[in-house]
Amino acid sequence: NASAFVTHLAMALERVRKGEKVVPLDRGVYEAATREPTFAQASSCCRDIRRILPQIPEAESEYICTHVGVLLARIKEGGKQ
């Protein structure tokens, strides 16, 4: 949901600020996300986020992209964000 996304983004920025390593997202989870109909749009949103916040590492970006994809899917389904 949207609050989970905002929380994750805030935590990601804090990890970057502290120089903490990111545990990579499970490959299976990310690969499943790439097959979702909302992935292209989510990926575009993530590229925009990384343009604004270039310090976000790729591993963190994969988590963010997955969150955005879930949000977009829920919006398209007319469900609660």
C-alpha atoms as a PDB file:
ATOM      1  CA  ASN A   1       0.000   0.000   0.000  1.00  0.00           C
ATOM      2  CA  ALA A   2       0.986   3.637  -0.264  1.00  0.00           C
ATOM      3  CA  SER A   3       2.056   3.932   3.361  1.00  0.00           C
ATOM      4  CA  ALA A   4       4.383   0.919   2.976  1.00  0.00           C
ATOM      5  CA  PHE A   5       5.925   2.556  -0.096  1.00  0.00           C
ATOM      6  CA  VAL A   6       6.494   5.882   1.671  1.00  0.00           C
ATOM      7  CA  THR A   7       7.939   4.062   4.691  1.00  0.00           C
ATOM      8  CA  HIS A   8      10.267   2.022   2.487  1.00  0.00           C
ATOM      9  CA  LEU A   9      11.444   5.104   0.605  1.00  0.00           C
ATOM     10  CA  ALA A  10      12.178   6.936   3.872  1.00  0.00           C
ATOM     11  CA  MET A  11      14.056   3.925   5.229  1.00  0.00           C
ATOM     12  CA  ALA A  12      15.982   3.567   1.959  1.00  0.00           C
ATOM     13  CA  LEU A  13      17.133   7.166   2.132  1.00  0.00           C
ATOM     14  CA  GLU A  14      18.189   6.666   5.747  1.00  0.00           C
ATOM     15  CA  ARG A  15      20.206   3.567   4.785  1.00  0.00           C
ATOM     16  CA  VAL A  16      21.907   5.562   2.019  1.00  0.00           C
ATOM     17  CA  ARG A  17      22.651   8.392   4.434  1.00  0.00           C
ATOM     18  CA  LYS A  18      24.232   5.944   6.899  1.00  0.00           C
ATOM     19  CA  GLY A  19      26.112   4.088   4.158  1.00  0.00           C
ATOM     20  CA  GLU A  20      24.413   0.795   5.024  1.00  0.00           C
ATOM     21  CA  LYS A  21      24.439  -2.066   2.542  1.00  0.00           C
ATOM     22  CA  VAL A  22      21.178  -3.141   0.957  1.00  0.00           C
ATOM     23  CA  VAL A  23      20.182  -6.787   1.045  1.00  0.00           C
ATOM     24  CA  PRO A  24      19.243  -7.474  -2.587  1.00  0.00           C
ATOM     25  CA  LEU A  25      15.642  -8.335  -3.357  1.00  0.00           C
ATOM     26  CA  ASP A  26      15.075 -12.040  -3.964  1.00  0.00           C
ATOM     27  CA  ARG A  27      15.569 -12.669  -7.705  1.00  0.00           C
ATOM     28  CA  GLY A  28      12.375 -14.706  -7.938  1.00  0.00           C
ATOM     29  CA  VAL A  29      10.321 -11.906  -6.405  1.00  0.00           C
ATOM     30  CA  TYR A  30      11.814  -9.308  -8.732  1.00  0.00           C
ATOM     31  CA  GLU A  31      11.462 -11.502 -11.812  1.00  0.00           C
ATOM     32  CA  ALA A  32       7.802 -12.124 -10.941  1.00  0.00           C
ATOM     33  CA  ALA A  33       7.319  -8.360 -10.622  1.00  0.00           C
ATOM     34  CA  THR A  34       8.797  -7.822 -14.093  1.00  0.00           C
ATOM     35  CA  ARG A  35       6.071 -10.023 -15.575  1.00  0.00           C
ATOM     36  CA  GLU A  36       3.240  -7.958 -14.102  1.00  0.00           C
ATOM     37  CA  PRO A  37       1.250  -5.710 -16.471  1.00  0.00           C
ATOM     38  CA  THR A  38       2.122  -2.654 -14.365  1.00  0.00           C
ATOM     39  CA  PHE A  39       5.887  -3.258 -14.431  1.00  0.00           C
ATOM     40  CA  ALA A  40       6.725  -0.982 -17.374  1.00  0.00           C
ATOM     41  CA  GLN A  41       4.901   1.933 -15.766  1.00  0.00           C
ATOM     42  CA  ALA A  42       6.407   1.136 -12.345  1.00  0.00           C
ATOM     43  CA  SER A  43       9.872   0.972 -13.884  1.00  0.00           C
ATOM     44  CA  SER A  44       9.348   4.373 -15.493  1.00  0.00           C
ATOM     45  CA  CYS A  45       8.316   5.826 -12.118  1.00  0.00           C
ATOM     46  CA  CYS A  46      11.426   4.319 -10.520  1.00  0.00           C
ATOM     47  CA  ARG A  47      13.673   5.873 -13.156  1.00  0.00           C
ATOM     48  CA  ASP A  48      12.098   9.241 -12.351  1.00  0.00           C
ATOM     49  CA  ILE A  49      12.668   8.683  -8.630  1.00  0.00           C
ATOM     50  CA  ARG A  50      16.322   7.808  -9.280  1.00  0.00           C
ATOM     51  CA  ARG A  51      16.748  10.956 -11.397  1.00  0.00           C
ATOM     52  CA  ILE A  52      15.581  12.993  -8.413  1.00  0.00           C
ATOM     53  CA  LEU A  53      17.418  10.829  -5.860  1.00  0.00           C
ATOM     54  CA  PRO A  54      20.468   9.468  -7.730  1.00  0.00           C
ATOM     55  CA  GLN A  55      22.055   8.235  -4.511  1.00  0.00           C
ATOM     56  CA  ILE A  56      19.559   5.360  -4.331  1.00  0.00           C
ATOM     57  CA  PRO A  57      21.413   2.172  -5.288  1.00  0.00           C
ATOM     58  CA  GLU A  58      20.068  -0.256  -7.890  1.00  0.00           C
ATOM     59  CA  ALA A  59      19.269  -2.916  -5.270  1.00  0.00           C
ATOM     60  CA  GLU A  60      17.103  -0.417  -3.383  1.00  0.00           C
ATOM     61  CA  SER A  61      15.506   0.684  -6.636  1.00  0.00           C
ATOM     62  CA  GLU A  62      14.284  -2.873  -7.248  1.00  0.00           C
ATOM     63  CA  TYR A  63      12.394  -2.821  -3.940  1.00  0.00           C
ATOM     64  CA  ILE A  64      10.920   0.569  -4.769  1.00  0.00           C
ATOM     65  CA  CYS A  65       9.912  -0.564  -8.245  1.00  0.00           C
ATOM     66  CA  THR A  66       8.165  -3.602  -6.783  1.00  0.00           C
ATOM     67  CA  HIS A  67       6.245  -1.394  -4.314  1.00  0.00           C
ATOM     68  CA  VAL A  68       5.230   1.004  -7.095  1.00  0.00           C
ATOM     69  CA  GLY A  69       4.066  -1.910  -9.248  1.00  0.00           C
ATOM     70  CA  VAL A  70       1.821  -3.180  -6.453  1.00  0.00           C
ATOM     71  CA  LEU A  71       0.381   0.307  -5.942  1.00  0.00           C
ATOM     72  CA  LEU A  72      -0.332   0.711  -9.646  1.00  0.00           C
ATOM     73  CA  ALA A  73      -1.981  -2.712  -9.817  1.00  0.00           C
ATOM     74  CA  ARG A  74      -4.265  -1.825  -6.910  1.00  0.00           C
ATOM     75  CA  ILE A  75      -5.162   1.505  -8.472  1.00  0.00           C
ATOM     76  CA  LYS A  76      -6.002  -0.192 -11.780  1.00  0.00           C
ATOM     77  CA  GLU A  77      -8.158  -2.710  -9.914  1.00  0.00           C
ATOM     78  CA  GLY A  78      -9.982   0.167  -8.243  1.00  0.00           C
ATOM     79  CA  GLY A  79      -8.817  -1.010  -4.845  1.00  0.00           C
ATOM     80  CA  LYS A  80      -7.477   0.736  -1.814  1.00  0.00           C
ATOM     81  CA  GLN A  81      -3.991   2.206  -2.169  1.00  0.00           C
END
